[in-house]
Amino acid sequence: MKIVNNEEFKQITKEGVTLVDFFASWCGPCRMMAGILEEVAKELDGKANVVKVDVDEEEDLARSFGILSIPTLLIFKDGKAVEKHVGVWQKEDCVAAVKKYL
């Protein structure tokens, strides 16, 4: 799964539906979420993008979305954040949430 910087983030979230995982490499729950997101990305392949943003590398981007706890997942539709979830999210719930915006 691709870890994106600020410029890539702007491009990938501009159109369609994108699930963005704000994470840090040192975060235990984030590592748990990584495995779940791999499965989510496979299930949504071709329908929605799934990317990650490292909050330590992209502090300004995380701050611009009010990310205070990690993992935080945001669903974007055509450039706008439409849903936010803080903490570990089960695969089925995550996929269902994204599918609402397809």
PDB file of N, CA and C in Angstrom:
ATOM      1  N   MET A   1       0.843  -1.173   0.000  1.00  0.00           N
ATOM      2  CA  MET A   1       0.000   0.000   0.000  1.00  0.00           C
ATOM      3  C   MET A   1       0.889   1.237   0.000  1.00  0.00           C
ATOM      4  N   LYS A   2       0.509   2.194  -0.809  1.00  0.00           N
ATOM      5  CA  LYS A   2       1.348   3.367  -1.035  1.00  0.00           C
ATOM      6  C   LYS A   2       1.253   4.366   0.118  1.00  0.00           C
ATOM      7  N   ILE A   3       2.429   4.831   0.550  1.00  0.00           N
ATOM      8  CA  ILE A   3       2.520   5.930   1.512  1.00  0.00           C
ATOM      9  C   ILE A   3       2.720   7.189   0.673  1.00  0.00           C
ATOM     10  N   VAL A   4       1.819   8.161   0.830  1.00  0.00           N
ATOM     11  CA  VAL A   4       1.852   9.341  -0.018  1.00  0.00           C
ATOM     12  C   VAL A   4       2.316  10.579   0.737  1.00  0.00           C
ATOM     13  N   ASN A   5       2.910  11.502  -0.021  1.00  0.00           N
ATOM     14  CA  ASN A   5       3.284  12.796   0.543  1.00  0.00           C
ATOM     15  C   ASN A   5       2.154  13.789   0.254  1.00  0.00           C
ATOM     16  N   ASN A   6       2.343  15.030   0.620  1.00  0.00           N
ATOM     17  CA  ASN A   6       1.301  16.049   0.484  1.00  0.00           C
ATOM     18  C   ASN A   6       0.852  16.232  -0.967  1.00  0.00           C
ATOM     19  N   GLU A   7       1.796  16.313  -1.894  1.00  0.00           N
ATOM     20  CA  GLU A   7       1.439  16.518  -3.306  1.00  0.00           C
ATOM     21  C   GLU A   7       0.682  15.318  -3.874  1.00  0.00           C
ATOM     22  N   GLU A   8       1.177  14.107  -3.584  1.00  0.00           N
ATOM     23  CA  GLU A   8       0.497  12.896  -4.059  1.00  0.00           C
ATOM     24  C   GLU A   8      -0.902  12.801  -3.449  1.00  0.00           C
ATOM     25  N   PHE A   9      -1.015  13.175  -2.180  1.00  0.00           N
ATOM     26  CA  PHE A   9      -2.294  13.160  -1.479  1.00  0.00           C
ATOM     27  C   PHE A   9      -3.315  14.033  -2.211  1.00  0.00           C
ATOM     28  N   LYS A  10      -2.917  15.243  -2.582  1.00  0.00           N
ATOM     29  CA  LYS A  10      -3.817  16.168  -3.279  1.00  0.00           C
ATOM     30  C   LYS A  10      -4.304  15.571  -4.588  1.00  0.00           C
ATOM     31  N   GLN A  11      -3.399  14.934  -5.320  1.00  0.00           N
ATOM     32  CA  GLN A  11      -3.761  14.342  -6.611  1.00  0.00           C
ATOM     33  C   GLN A  11      -4.700  13.151  -6.464  1.00  0.00           C
ATOM     34  N   ILE A  12      -4.365  12.259  -5.535  1.00  0.00           N
ATOM     35  CA  ILE A  12      -5.126  11.010  -5.423  1.00  0.00           C
ATOM     36  C   ILE A  12      -6.516  11.214  -4.822  1.00  0.00           C
ATOM     37  N   THR A  13      -6.675  12.234  -3.983  1.00  0.00           N
ATOM     38  CA  THR A  13      -7.975  12.459  -3.349  1.00  0.00           C
ATOM     39  C   THR A  13      -8.868  13.396  -4.163  1.00  0.00           C
ATOM     40  N   LYS A  14      -8.349  13.963  -5.241  1.00  0.00           N
ATOM     41  CA  LYS A  14      -9.074  14.970  -6.015  1.00  0.00           C
ATOM     42  C   LYS A  14     -10.361  14.422  -6.640  1.00  0.00           C
ATOM     43  N   GLU A  15     -10.311  13.206  -7.156  1.00  0.00           N
ATOM     44  CA  GLU A  15     -11.469  12.617  -7.828  1.00  0.00           C
ATOM     45  C   GLU A  15     -11.721  11.213  -7.315  1.00  0.00           C
ATOM     46  N   GLY A  16     -13.001  10.841  -7.289  1.00  0.00           N
ATOM     47  CA  GLY A  16     -13.372   9.499  -6.858  1.00  0.00           C
ATOM     48  C   GLY A  16     -13.356   9.361  -5.353  1.00  0.00           C
ATOM     49  N   VAL A  17     -13.274   8.112  -4.905  1.00  0.00           N
ATOM     50  CA  VAL A  17     -13.307   7.802  -3.474  1.00  0.00           C
ATOM     51  C   VAL A  17     -11.940   7.279  -3.040  1.00  0.00           C
ATOM     52  N   THR A  18     -11.445   7.821  -1.938  1.00  0.00           N
ATOM     53  CA  THR A  18     -10.141   7.417  -1.404  1.00  0.00           C
ATOM     54  C   THR A  18     -10.235   7.246   0.098  1.00  0.00           C
ATOM     55  N   LEU A  19      -9.723   6.130   0.588  1.00  0.00           N
ATOM     56  CA  LEU A  19      -9.602   5.878   2.025  1.00  0.00           C
ATOM     57  C   LEU A  19      -8.162   6.192   2.404  1.00  0.00           C
ATOM     58  N   VAL A  20      -7.981   7.101   3.350  1.00  0.00           N
ATOM     59  CA  VAL A  20      -6.645   7.521   3.764  1.00  0.00           C
ATOM     60  C   VAL A  20      -6.429   7.133   5.220  1.00  0.00           C
ATOM     61  N   ASP A  21      -5.343   6.416   5.465  1.00  0.00           N
ATOM     62  CA  ASP A  21      -4.954   6.000   6.815  1.00  0.00           C
ATOM     63  C   ASP A  21      -3.828   6.916   7.290  1.00  0.00           C
ATOM     64  N   PHE A  22      -4.109   7.733   8.289  1.00  0.00           N
ATOM     65  CA  PHE A  22      -3.078   8.553   8.926  1.00  0.00           C
ATOM     66  C   PHE A  22      -2.464   7.692  10.029  1.00  0.00           C
ATOM     67  N   PHE A  23      -1.152   7.439   9.944  1.00  0.00           N
ATOM     68  CA  PHE A  23      -0.488   6.470  10.813  1.00  0.00           C
ATOM     69  C   PHE A  23       0.918   6.935  11.179  1.00  0.00           C
ATOM     70  N   ALA A  24       1.558   6.163  12.056  1.00  0.00           N
ATOM     71  CA  ALA A  24       2.989   6.320  12.349  1.00  0.00           C
ATOM     72  C   ALA A  24       3.590   4.922  12.482  1.00  0.00           C
ATOM     73  N   SER A  25       4.840   4.783  12.083  1.00  0.00           N
ATOM     74  CA  SER A  25       5.494   3.471  12.095  1.00  0.00           C
ATOM     75  C   SER A  25       5.659   2.910  13.504  1.00  0.00           C
ATOM     76  N   TRP A  26       5.727   3.769  14.515  1.00  0.00           N
ATOM     77  CA  TRP A  26       5.947   3.336  15.896  1.00  0.00           C
ATOM     78  C   TRP A  26       4.634   2.972  16.611  1.00  0.00           C
ATOM     79  N   CYS A  27       3.508   3.153  15.960  1.00  0.00           N
ATOM     80  CA  CYS A  27       2.182   2.987  16.574  1.00  0.00           C
ATOM     81  C   CYS A  27       1.701   1.540  16.443  1.00  0.00           C
ATOM     82  N   GLY A  28       1.497   0.859  17.573  1.00  0.00           N
ATOM     83  CA  GLY A  28       1.027  -0.528  17.575  1.00  0.00           C
ATOM     84  C   GLY A  28      -0.316  -0.716  16.891  1.00  0.00           C
ATOM     85  N   PRO A  29      -1.350   0.042  17.276  1.00  0.00           N
ATOM     86  CA  PRO A  29      -2.641  -0.101  16.597  1.00  0.00           C
ATOM     87  C   PRO A  29      -2.559   0.197  15.091  1.00  0.00           C
ATOM     88  N   CYS A  30      -1.653   1.088  14.707  1.00  0.00           N
ATOM     89  CA  CYS A  30      -1.464   1.388  13.281  1.00  0.00           C
ATOM     90  C   CYS A  30      -0.942   0.155  12.543  1.00  0.00           C
ATOM     91  N   ARG A  31      -0.043  -0.580  13.180  1.00  0.00           N
ATOM     92  CA  ARG A  31       0.482  -1.802  12.561  1.00  0.00           C
ATOM     93  C   ARG A  31      -0.620  -2.844  12.418  1.00  0.00           C
ATOM     94  N   MET A  32      -1.512  -2.924  13.416  1.00  0.00           N
ATOM     95  CA  MET A  32      -2.663  -3.835  13.308  1.00  0.00           C
ATOM     96  C   MET A  32      -3.543  -3.419  12.129  1.00  0.00           C
ATOM     97  N   MET A  33      -3.766  -2.137  11.986  1.00  0.00           N
ATOM     98  CA  MET A  33      -4.628  -1.607  10.938  1.00  0.00           C
ATOM     99  C   MET A  33      -4.033  -1.856   9.558  1.00  0.00           C
ATOM    100  N   ALA A  34      -2.719  -1.891   9.458  1.00  0.00           N
ATOM    101  CA  ALA A  34      -2.056  -2.084   8.163  1.00  0.00           C
ATOM    102  C   ALA A  34      -2.493  -3.389   7.499  1.00  0.00           C
ATOM    103  N   GLY A  35      -2.547  -4.470   8.268  1.00  0.00           N
ATOM    104  CA  GLY A  35      -2.974  -5.758   7.725  1.00  0.00           C
ATOM    105  C   GLY A  35      -4.428  -5.730   7.267  1.00  0.00           C
ATOM    106  N   ILE A  36      -5.259  -5.078   8.045  1.00  0.00           N
ATOM    107  CA  ILE A  36      -6.679  -4.956   7.693  1.00  0.00           C
ATOM    108  C   ILE A  36      -6.820  -4.151   6.402  1.00  0.00           C
ATOM    109  N   LEU A  37      -6.057  -3.063   6.290  1.00  0.00           N
ATOM    110  CA  LEU A  37      -6.150  -2.211   5.104  1.00  0.00           C
ATOM    111  C   LEU A  37      -5.671  -2.902   3.837  1.00  0.00           C
ATOM    112  N   GLU A  38      -4.723  -3.821   3.967  1.00  0.00           N
ATOM    113  CA  GLU A  38      -4.292  -4.597   2.802  1.00  0.00           C
ATOM    114  C   GLU A  38      -5.477  -5.379   2.246  1.00  0.00           C
ATOM    115  N   GLU A  39      -6.261  -5.994   3.128  1.00  0.00           N
ATOM    116  CA  GLU A  39      -7.443  -6.753   2.712  1.00  0.00           C
ATOM    117  C   GLU A  39      -8.504  -5.821   2.124  1.00  0.00           C
ATOM    118  N   VAL A  40      -8.692  -4.673   2.752  1.00  0.00           N
ATOM    119  CA  VAL A  40      -9.661  -3.691   2.263  1.00  0.00           C
ATOM    120  C   VAL A  40      -9.271  -3.249   0.852  1.00  0.00           C
ATOM    121  N   ALA A  41      -7.994  -2.946   0.648  1.00  0.00           N
ATOM    122  CA  ALA A  41      -7.514  -2.497  -0.660  1.00  0.00           C
ATOM    123  C   ALA A  41      -7.763  -3.554  -1.730  1.00  0.00           C
ATOM    124  N   LYS A  42      -7.562  -4.829  -1.402  1.00  0.00           N
ATOM    125  CA  LYS A  42      -7.822  -5.908  -2.368  1.00  0.00           C
ATOM    126  C   LYS A  42      -9.297  -5.963  -2.722  1.00  0.00           C
ATOM    127  N   GLU A  43     -10.159  -5.840  -1.719  1.00  0.00           N
ATOM    128  CA  GLU A  43     -11.597  -5.922  -1.961  1.00  0.00           C
ATOM    129  C   GLU A  43     -12.108  -4.727  -2.775  1.00  0.00           C
ATOM    130  N   LEU A  44     -11.517  -3.564  -2.564  1.00  0.00           N
ATOM    131  CA  LEU A  44     -11.977  -2.353  -3.246  1.00  0.00           C
ATOM    132  C   LEU A  44     -11.177  -2.040  -4.515  1.00  0.00           C
ATOM    133  N   ASP A  45     -10.289  -2.925  -4.901  1.00  0.00           N
ATOM    134  CA  ASP A  45      -9.412  -2.690  -6.043  1.00  0.00           C
ATOM    135  C   ASP A  45     -10.215  -2.266  -7.273  1.00  0.00           C
ATOM    136  N   GLY A  46      -9.835  -1.123  -7.843  1.00  0.00           N
ATOM    137  CA  GLY A  46     -10.513  -0.616  -9.022  1.00  0.00           C
ATOM    138  C   GLY A  46     -11.733   0.228  -8.716  1.00  0.00           C
ATOM    139  N   LYS A  47     -12.200   0.206  -7.480  1.00  0.00           N
ATOM    140  CA  LYS A  47     -13.387   0.969  -7.098  1.00  0.00           C
ATOM    141  C   LYS A  47     -13.027   2.200  -6.278  1.00  0.00           C
ATOM    142  N   ALA A  48     -12.027   2.054  -5.393  1.00  0.00           N
ATOM    143  CA  ALA A  48     -11.599   3.151  -4.514  1.00  0.00           C
ATOM    144  C   ALA A  48     -10.103   3.023  -4.269  1.00  0.00           C
ATOM    145  N   ASN A  49      -9.467   4.147  -3.997  1.00  0.00           N
ATOM    146  CA  ASN A  49      -8.048   4.153  -3.648  1.00  0.00           C
ATOM    147  C   ASN A  49      -7.900   3.962  -2.143  1.00  0.00           C
ATOM    148  N   VAL A  50      -6.838   3.293  -1.738  1.00  0.00           N
ATOM    149  CA  VAL A  50      -6.492   3.160  -0.322  1.00  0.00           C
ATOM    150  C   VAL A  50      -5.028   3.534  -0.191  1.00  0.00           C
ATOM    151  N   VAL A  51      -4.753   4.597   0.582  1.00  0.00           N
ATOM    152  CA  VAL A  51      -3.386   5.080   0.749  1.00  0.00           C
ATOM    153  C   VAL A  51      -3.121   5.401   2.222  1.00  0.00           C
ATOM    154  N   LYS A  52      -1.844   5.619   2.517  1.00  0.00           N
ATOM    155  CA  LYS A  52      -1.429   5.924   3.884  1.00  0.00           C
ATOM    156  C   LYS A  52      -0.664   7.244   3.906  1.00  0.00           C
ATOM    157  N   VAL A  53      -0.791   7.964   5.029  1.00  0.00           N
ATOM    158  CA  VAL A  53      -0.034   9.190   5.252  1.00  0.00           C
ATOM    159  C   VAL A  53       0.691   9.041   6.589  1.00  0.00           C
ATOM    160  N   ASP A  54       2.015   9.132   6.563  1.00  0.00           N
ATOM    161  CA  ASP A  54       2.826   9.045   7.778  1.00  0.00           C
ATOM    162  C   ASP A  54       2.771  10.406   8.479  1.00  0.00           C
ATOM    163  N   VAL A  55       2.158  10.452   9.656  1.00  0.00           N
ATOM    164  CA  VAL A  55       1.973  11.730  10.359  1.00  0.00           C
ATOM    165  C   VAL A  55       3.290  12.347  10.807  1.00  0.00           C
ATOM    166  N   ASP A  56       4.332  11.541  10.969  1.00  0.00           N
ATOM    167  CA  ASP A  56       5.637  12.084  11.340  1.00  0.00           C
ATOM    168  C   ASP A  56       6.307  12.773  10.152  1.00  0.00           C
ATOM    169  N   GLU A  57       6.031  12.291   8.942  1.00  0.00           N
ATOM    170  CA  GLU A  57       6.612  12.866   7.725  1.00  0.00           C
ATOM    171  C   GLU A  57       5.774  14.012   7.175  1.00  0.00           C
ATOM    172  N   GLU A  58       4.473  13.955   7.377  1.00  0.00           N
ATOM    173  CA  GLU A  58       3.547  14.946   6.813  1.00  0.00           C
ATOM    174  C   GLU A  58       2.735  15.599   7.935  1.00  0.00           C
ATOM    175  N   GLU A  59       3.440  16.228   8.876  1.00  0.00           N
ATOM    176  CA  GLU A  59       2.790  16.835  10.043  1.00  0.00           C
ATOM    177  C   GLU A  59       1.767  17.899   9.659  1.00  0.00           C
ATOM    178  N   ASP A  60       2.096  18.740   8.689  1.00  0.00           N
ATOM    179  CA  ASP A  60       1.186  19.813   8.290  1.00  0.00           C
ATOM    180  C   ASP A  60      -0.101  19.258   7.697  1.00  0.00           C
ATOM    181  N   LEU A  61       0.031  18.219   6.899  1.00  0.00           N
ATOM    182  CA  LEU A  61      -1.148  17.592   6.299  1.00  0.00           C
ATOM    183  C   LEU A  61      -2.043  16.992   7.380  1.00  0.00           C
ATOM    184  N   ALA A  62      -1.434  16.270   8.314  1.00  0.00           N
ATOM    185  CA  ALA A  62      -2.209  15.687   9.419  1.00  0.00           C
ATOM    186  C   ALA A  62      -2.890  16.778  10.235  1.00  0.00           C
ATOM    187  N   ARG A  63      -2.165  17.826  10.521  1.00  0.00           N
ATOM    188  CA  ARG A  63      -2.713  18.935  11.302  1.00  0.00           C
ATOM    189  C   ARG A  63      -3.890  19.593  10.577  1.00  0.00           C
ATOM    190  N   SER A  64      -3.800  19.694   9.251  1.00  0.00           N
ATOM    191  CA  SER A  64      -4.862  20.357   8.481  1.00  0.00           C
ATOM    192  C   SER A  64      -6.184  19.609   8.564  1.00  0.00           C
ATOM    193  N   PHE A  65      -6.136  18.317   8.901  1.00  0.00           N
ATOM    194  CA  PHE A  65      -7.356  17.528   9.054  1.00  0.00           C
ATOM    195  C   PHE A  65      -7.667  17.232  10.520  1.00  0.00           C
ATOM    196  N   GLY A  66      -6.967  17.895  11.425  1.00  0.00           N
ATOM    197  CA  GLY A  66      -7.248  17.742  12.853  1.00  0.00           C
ATOM    198  C   GLY A  66      -6.942  16.354  13.396  1.00  0.00           C
ATOM    199  N   ILE A  67      -5.917  15.718  12.856  1.00  0.00           N
ATOM    200  CA  ILE A  67      -5.539  14.380  13.313  1.00  0.00           C
ATOM    201  C   ILE A  67      -4.828  14.516  14.650  1.00  0.00           C
ATOM    202  N   LEU A  68      -5.478  14.026  15.708  1.00  0.00           N
ATOM    203  CA  LEU A  68      -4.915  14.092  17.055  1.00  0.00           C
ATOM    204  C   LEU A  68      -4.548  12.718  17.588  1.00  0.00           C
ATOM    205  N   SER A  69      -5.195  11.686  17.086  1.00  0.00           N
ATOM    206  CA  SER A  69      -4.936  10.308  17.501  1.00  0.00           C
ATOM    207  C   SER A  69      -4.728   9.471  16.248  1.00  0.00           C
ATOM    208  N   ILE A  70      -3.930   8.412  16.391  1.00  0.00           N
ATOM    209  CA  ILE A  70      -3.716   7.511  15.267  1.00  0.00           C
ATOM    210  C   ILE A  70      -3.941   6.079  15.718  1.00  0.00           C
ATOM    211  N   PRO A  71      -4.379   5.212  14.826  1.00  0.00           N
ATOM    212  CA  PRO A  71      -4.717   5.503  13.442  1.00  0.00           C
ATOM    213  C   PRO A  71      -6.030   6.286  13.331  1.00  0.00           C
ATOM    214  N   THR A  72      -6.055   7.196  12.366  1.00  0.00           N
ATOM    215  CA  THR A  72      -7.282   7.884  11.977  1.00  0.00           C
ATOM    216  C   THR A  72      -7.466   7.631  10.493  1.00  0.00           C
ATOM    217  N   LEU A  73      -8.662   7.201  10.127  1.00  0.00           N
ATOM    218  CA  LEU A  73      -8.966   6.950   8.724  1.00  0.00           C
ATOM    219  C   LEU A  73      -9.999   7.957   8.250  1.00  0.00           C
ATOM    220  N   LEU A  74      -9.718   8.559   7.104  1.00  0.00           N
ATOM    221  CA  LEU A  74     -10.640   9.502   6.495  1.00  0.00           C
ATOM    222  C   LEU A  74     -11.052   8.967   5.131  1.00  0.00           C
ATOM    223  N   ILE A  75     -12.324   9.108   4.820  1.00  0.00           N
ATOM    224  CA  ILE A  75     -12.817   8.768   3.487  1.00  0.00           C
ATOM    225  C   ILE A  75     -13.033  10.085   2.754  1.00  0.00           C
ATOM    226  N   PHE A  76     -12.440  10.179   1.560  1.00  0.00           N
ATOM    227  CA  PHE A  76     -12.573  11.359   0.715  1.00  0.00           C
ATOM    228  C   PHE A  76     -13.403  11.009  -0.503  1.00  0.00           C
ATOM    229  N   LYS A  77     -14.295  11.916  -0.874  1.00  0.00           N
ATOM    230  CA  LYS A  77     -15.045  11.789  -2.121  1.00  0.00           C
ATOM    231  C   LYS A  77     -14.864  13.089  -2.888  1.00  0.00           C
ATOM    232  N   ASP A  78     -14.274  12.973  -4.058  1.00  0.00           N
ATOM    233  CA  ASP A  78     -14.038  14.123  -4.931  1.00  0.00           C
ATOM    234  C   ASP A  78     -13.397  15.297  -4.192  1.00  0.00           C
ATOM    235  N   GLY A  79     -12.356  14.986  -3.418  1.00  0.00           N
ATOM    236  CA  GLY A  79     -11.557  16.023  -2.767  1.00  0.00           C
ATOM    237  C   GLY A  79     -12.030  16.470  -1.403  1.00  0.00           C
ATOM    238  N   LYS A  80     -13.180  15.989  -0.946  1.00  0.00           N
ATOM    239  CA  LYS A  80     -13.708  16.411   0.355  1.00  0.00           C
ATOM    240  C   LYS A  80     -13.750  15.236   1.323  1.00  0.00           C
ATOM    241  N   ALA A  81     -13.319  15.494   2.564  1.00  0.00           N
ATOM    242  CA  ALA A  81     -13.415  14.462   3.608  1.00  0.00           C
ATOM    243  C   ALA A  81     -14.893  14.302   3.969  1.00  0.00           C
ATOM    244  N   VAL A  82     -15.404  13.076   3.843  1.00  0.00           N
ATOM    245  CA  VAL A  82     -16.823  12.835   4.087  1.00  0.00           C
ATOM    246  C   VAL A  82     -17.090  11.956   5.316  1.00  0.00           C
ATOM    247  N   GLU A  83     -16.042  11.277   5.795  1.00  0.00           N
ATOM    248  CA  GLU A  83     -16.223  10.424   6.977  1.00  0.00           C
ATOM    249  C   GLU A  83     -14.876  10.239   7.664  1.00  0.00           C
ATOM    250  N   LYS A  84     -14.930  10.148   9.008  1.00  0.00           N
ATOM    251  CA  LYS A  84     -13.715  10.005   9.812  1.00  0.00           C
ATOM    252  C   LYS A  84     -13.917   8.893  10.832  1.00  0.00           C
ATOM    253  N   HIS A  85     -12.876   8.092  11.019  1.00  0.00           N
ATOM    254  CA  HIS A  85     -12.908   7.035  12.036  1.00  0.00           C
ATOM    255  C   HIS A  85     -11.568   7.018  12.759  1.00  0.00           C
ATOM    256  N   VAL A  86     -11.607   7.034  14.084  1.00  0.00           N
ATOM    257  CA  VAL A  86     -10.389   7.004  14.889  1.00  0.00           C
ATOM    258  C   VAL A  86     -10.270   5.627  15.542  1.00  0.00           C
ATOM    259  N   GLY A  87      -9.093   5.021  15.436  1.00  0.00           N
ATOM    260  CA  GLY A  87      -8.850   3.716  16.038  1.00  0.00           C
ATOM    261  C   GLY A  87      -8.886   2.613  15.004  1.00  0.00           C
ATOM    262  N   VAL A  88      -8.722   1.382  15.478  1.00  0.00           N
ATOM    263  CA  VAL A  88      -8.720   0.230  14.587  1.00  0.00           C
ATOM    264  C   VAL A  88     -10.146  -0.008  14.094  1.00  0.00           C
ATOM    265  N   TRP A  89     -10.272  -0.256  12.803  1.00  0.00           N
ATOM    266  CA  TRP A  89     -11.563  -0.438  12.154  1.00  0.00           C
ATOM    267  C   TRP A  89     -11.584  -1.831  11.558  1.00  0.00           C
ATOM    268  N   GLN A  90     -12.593  -2.597  11.831  1.00  0.00           N
ATOM    269  CA  GLN A  90     -12.698  -3.944  11.274  1.00  0.00           C
ATOM    270  C   GLN A  90     -12.925  -3.876   9.768  1.00  0.00           C
ATOM    271  N   LYS A  91     -12.408  -4.865   9.059  1.00  0.00           N
ATOM    272  CA  LYS A  91     -12.455  -4.868   7.594  1.00  0.00           C
ATOM    273  C   LYS A  91     -13.864  -4.659   7.057  1.00  0.00           C
ATOM    274  N   GLU A  92     -14.824  -5.420   7.548  1.00  0.00           N
ATOM    275  CA  GLU A  92     -16.189  -5.360   7.018  1.00  0.00           C
ATOM    276  C   GLU A  92     -16.789  -3.964   7.189  1.00  0.00           C
ATOM    277  N   ASP A  93     -16.555  -3.356   8.343  1.00  0.00           N
ATOM    278  CA  ASP A  93     -17.091  -2.019   8.610  1.00  0.00           C
ATOM    279  C   ASP A  93     -16.420  -0.978   7.720  1.00  0.00           C
ATOM    280  N   CYS A  94     -15.145  -1.132   7.534  1.00  0.00           N
ATOM    281  CA  CYS A  94     -14.371  -0.213   6.700  1.00  0.00           C
ATOM    282  C   CYS A  94     -14.850  -0.283   5.252  1.00  0.00           C
ATOM    283  N   VAL A  95     -14.977  -1.480   4.720  1.00  0.00           N
ATOM    284  CA  VAL A  95     -15.431  -1.668   3.334  1.00  0.00           C
ATOM    285  C   VAL A  95     -16.846  -1.113   3.164  1.00  0.00           C
ATOM    286  N   ALA A  96     -17.730  -1.398   4.119  1.00  0.00           N
ATOM    287  CA  ALA A  96     -19.115  -0.909   4.050  1.00  0.00           C
ATOM    288  C   ALA A  96     -19.156   0.614   4.042  1.00  0.00           C
ATOM    289  N   ALA A  97     -18.319   1.238   4.855  1.00  0.00           N
ATOM    290  CA  ALA A  97     -18.283   2.699   4.920  1.00  0.00           C
ATOM    291  C   ALA A  97     -17.828   3.290   3.584  1.00  0.00           C
ATOM    292  N   VAL A  98     -16.798   2.722   2.996  1.00  0.00           N
ATOM    293  CA  VAL A  98     -16.291   3.236   1.726  1.00  0.00           C
ATOM    294  C   VAL A  98     -17.334   3.037   0.620  1.00  0.00           C
ATOM    295  N   LYS A  99     -17.991   1.882   0.607  1.00  0.00           N
ATOM    296  CA  LYS A  99     -18.960   1.574  -0.447  1.00  0.00           C
ATOM    297  C   LYS A  99     -20.137   2.544  -0.456  1.00  0.00           C
ATOM    298  N   LYS A 100     -20.429   3.183   0.672  1.00  0.00           N
ATOM    299  CA  LYS A 100     -21.522   4.170   0.715  1.00  0.00           C
ATOM    300  C   LYS A 100     -21.263   5.331  -0.233  1.00  0.00           C
ATOM    301  N   TYR A 101     -20.001   5.588  -0.549  1.00  0.00           N
ATOM    302  CA  TYR A 101     -19.636   6.759  -1.341  1.00  0.00           C
ATOM    303  C   TYR A 101     -19.274   6.414  -2.793  1.00  0.00           C
ATOM    304  N   LEU A 102     -19.365   5.145  -3.144  1.00  0.00           N
ATOM    305  CA  LEU A 102     -19.024   4.746  -4.524  1.00  0.00           C
ATOM    306  C   LEU A 102     -20.152   5.063  -5.483  1.00  0.00           C
TER     307      LEU A 102
END
